[in-house]
């Protein structure tokens, strides 16, 4: 289950930046450019995603939490 969840996170379109250069590169990878900063939102720890992906990001987290809780009930 942990591997499945990790793969889902790895496949999610998010970027991490710890400098202006990394932020610019991450924006480009998300298909954005200079002046598009209003189209992203921070997810903490240097991570950011498209505002349009916030719902999917939250749903992924809730689904993974539910799956882990269900898995733990059977132990």
C-alpha atoms as a PDB file:
ATOM      1  CA  UNK A   1       0.000   0.000   0.000  1.00  0.00           C
ATOM      2  CA  UNK A   2       2.808   2.428   0.888  1.00  0.00           C
ATOM      3  CA  UNK A   3       4.448   1.829  -2.491  1.00  0.00           C
ATOM      4  CA  UNK A   4       1.125   2.429  -4.263  1.00  0.00           C
ATOM      5  CA  UNK A   5       0.618   5.690  -2.380  1.00  0.00           C
ATOM      6  CA  UNK A   6       4.181   6.806  -3.021  1.00  0.00           C
ATOM      7  CA  UNK A   7       3.712   6.187  -6.743  1.00  0.00           C
ATOM      8  CA  UNK A   8       0.518   8.276  -6.727  1.00  0.00           C
ATOM      9  CA  UNK A   9       2.381  11.138  -5.036  1.00  0.00           C
ATOM     10  CA  UNK A  10       5.327  10.794  -7.424  1.00  0.00           C
ATOM     11  CA  UNK A  11       2.964  10.993 -10.413  1.00  0.00           C
ATOM     12  CA  UNK A  12       1.107  14.059  -9.127  1.00  0.00           C
ATOM     13  CA  UNK A  13       2.101  17.282 -10.938  1.00  0.00           C
ATOM     14  CA  UNK A  14       3.868  19.096  -8.124  1.00  0.00           C
ATOM     15  CA  UNK A  15       7.173  20.874  -7.916  1.00  0.00           C
ATOM     16  CA  UNK A  16       9.575  21.826  -5.140  1.00  0.00           C
ATOM     17  CA  UNK A  17      11.773  24.912  -5.092  1.00  0.00           C
ATOM     18  CA  UNK A  18      14.299  26.319  -2.664  1.00  0.00           C
ATOM     19  CA  UNK A  19      15.595  29.150  -4.829  1.00  0.00           C
ATOM     20  CA  UNK A  20      14.235  31.552  -7.432  1.00  0.00           C
ATOM     21  CA  UNK A  21      15.899  29.521 -10.171  1.00  0.00           C
ATOM     22  CA  UNK A  22      14.280  26.268  -8.989  1.00  0.00           C
ATOM     23  CA  UNK A  23      10.923  28.038  -8.768  1.00  0.00           C
ATOM     24  CA  UNK A  24      11.247  29.283 -12.356  1.00  0.00           C
ATOM     25  CA  UNK A  25      12.189  25.761 -13.509  1.00  0.00           C
ATOM     26  CA  UNK A  26       9.252  24.256 -11.607  1.00  0.00           C
ATOM     27  CA  UNK A  27       6.864  26.774 -13.097  1.00  0.00           C
ATOM     28  CA  UNK A  28       8.104  25.860 -16.567  1.00  0.00           C
ATOM     29  CA  UNK A  29       7.589  22.138 -15.835  1.00  0.00           C
ATOM     30  CA  UNK A  30       3.994  22.962 -14.874  1.00  0.00           C
ATOM     31  CA  UNK A  31       3.555  24.780 -18.188  1.00  0.00           C
ATOM     32  CA  UNK A  32       3.666  28.261 -16.674  1.00  0.00           C
ATOM     33  CA  UNK A  33       5.920  31.254 -17.068  1.00  0.00           C
ATOM     34  CA  UNK A  34       6.856  34.560 -15.518  1.00  0.00           C
ATOM     35  CA  UNK A  35       3.753  36.357 -14.320  1.00  0.00           C
ATOM     36  CA  UNK A  36       1.773  33.162 -13.726  1.00  0.00           C
ATOM     37  CA  UNK A  37       2.542  32.972 -10.007  1.00  0.00           C
ATOM     38  CA  UNK A  38      -1.153  33.536  -9.268  1.00  0.00           C
ATOM     39  CA  UNK A  39      -1.897  30.132 -10.836  1.00  0.00           C
ATOM     40  CA  UNK A  40      -0.001  28.110  -8.208  1.00  0.00           C
ATOM     41  CA  UNK A  41      -0.450  27.447  -4.509  1.00  0.00           C
ATOM     42  CA  UNK A  42       2.016  26.330  -1.856  1.00  0.00           C
ATOM     43  CA  UNK A  43       1.645  22.867  -0.325  1.00  0.00           C
ATOM     44  CA  UNK A  44       4.362  23.550   2.242  1.00  0.00           C
ATOM     45  CA  UNK A  45       7.985  22.407   2.540  1.00  0.00           C
ATOM     46  CA  UNK A  46       8.896  24.224  -0.690  1.00  0.00           C
ATOM     47  CA  UNK A  47       6.245  22.425  -2.737  1.00  0.00           C
ATOM     48  CA  UNK A  48       3.700  23.981  -5.041  1.00  0.00           C
ATOM     49  CA  UNK A  49       0.924  22.835  -7.361  1.00  0.00           C
ATOM     50  CA  UNK A  50      -1.465  24.402  -9.829  1.00  0.00           C
ATOM     51  CA  UNK A  51      -4.501  25.993  -8.202  1.00  0.00           C
ATOM     52  CA  UNK A  52      -6.600  23.962 -10.605  1.00  0.00           C
ATOM     53  CA  UNK A  53      -5.154  20.758  -9.044  1.00  0.00           C
ATOM     54  CA  UNK A  54      -5.960  21.620  -5.413  1.00  0.00           C
ATOM     55  CA  UNK A  55      -9.171  19.551  -5.379  1.00  0.00           C
ATOM     56  CA  UNK A  56      -7.407  16.503  -6.869  1.00  0.00           C
ATOM     57  CA  UNK A  57      -4.510  16.909  -4.402  1.00  0.00           C
ATOM     58  CA  UNK A  58      -6.889  16.976  -1.424  1.00  0.00           C
ATOM     59  CA  UNK A  59      -8.863  14.021  -2.792  1.00  0.00           C
ATOM     60  CA  UNK A  60      -5.660  12.010  -3.207  1.00  0.00           C
ATOM     61  CA  UNK A  61      -4.718  12.712   0.411  1.00  0.00           C
ATOM     62  CA  UNK A  62      -8.181  11.794   1.712  1.00  0.00           C
ATOM     63  CA  UNK A  63      -8.270   8.599  -0.362  1.00  0.00           C
ATOM     64  CA  UNK A  64      -4.848   7.540   0.887  1.00  0.00           C
ATOM     65  CA  UNK A  65      -5.821   8.305   4.488  1.00  0.00           C
ATOM     66  CA  UNK A  66      -8.997   6.226   4.152  1.00  0.00           C
ATOM     67  CA  UNK A  67      -7.103   3.331   2.577  1.00  0.00           C
ATOM     68  CA  UNK A  68      -4.518   3.362   5.374  1.00  0.00           C
ATOM     69  CA  UNK A  69      -7.231   3.445   8.034  1.00  0.00           C
ATOM     70  CA  UNK A  70      -9.049   0.530   6.376  1.00  0.00           C
ATOM     71  CA  UNK A  71      -5.795  -1.403   6.131  1.00  0.00           C
ATOM     72  CA  UNK A  72      -4.995  -0.775   9.800  1.00  0.00           C
ATOM     73  CA  UNK A  73      -8.427  -2.047  10.891  1.00  0.00           C
ATOM     74  CA  UNK A  74      -7.558  -5.488   9.565  1.00  0.00           C
ATOM     75  CA  UNK A  75      -4.340  -5.829  11.563  1.00  0.00           C
END
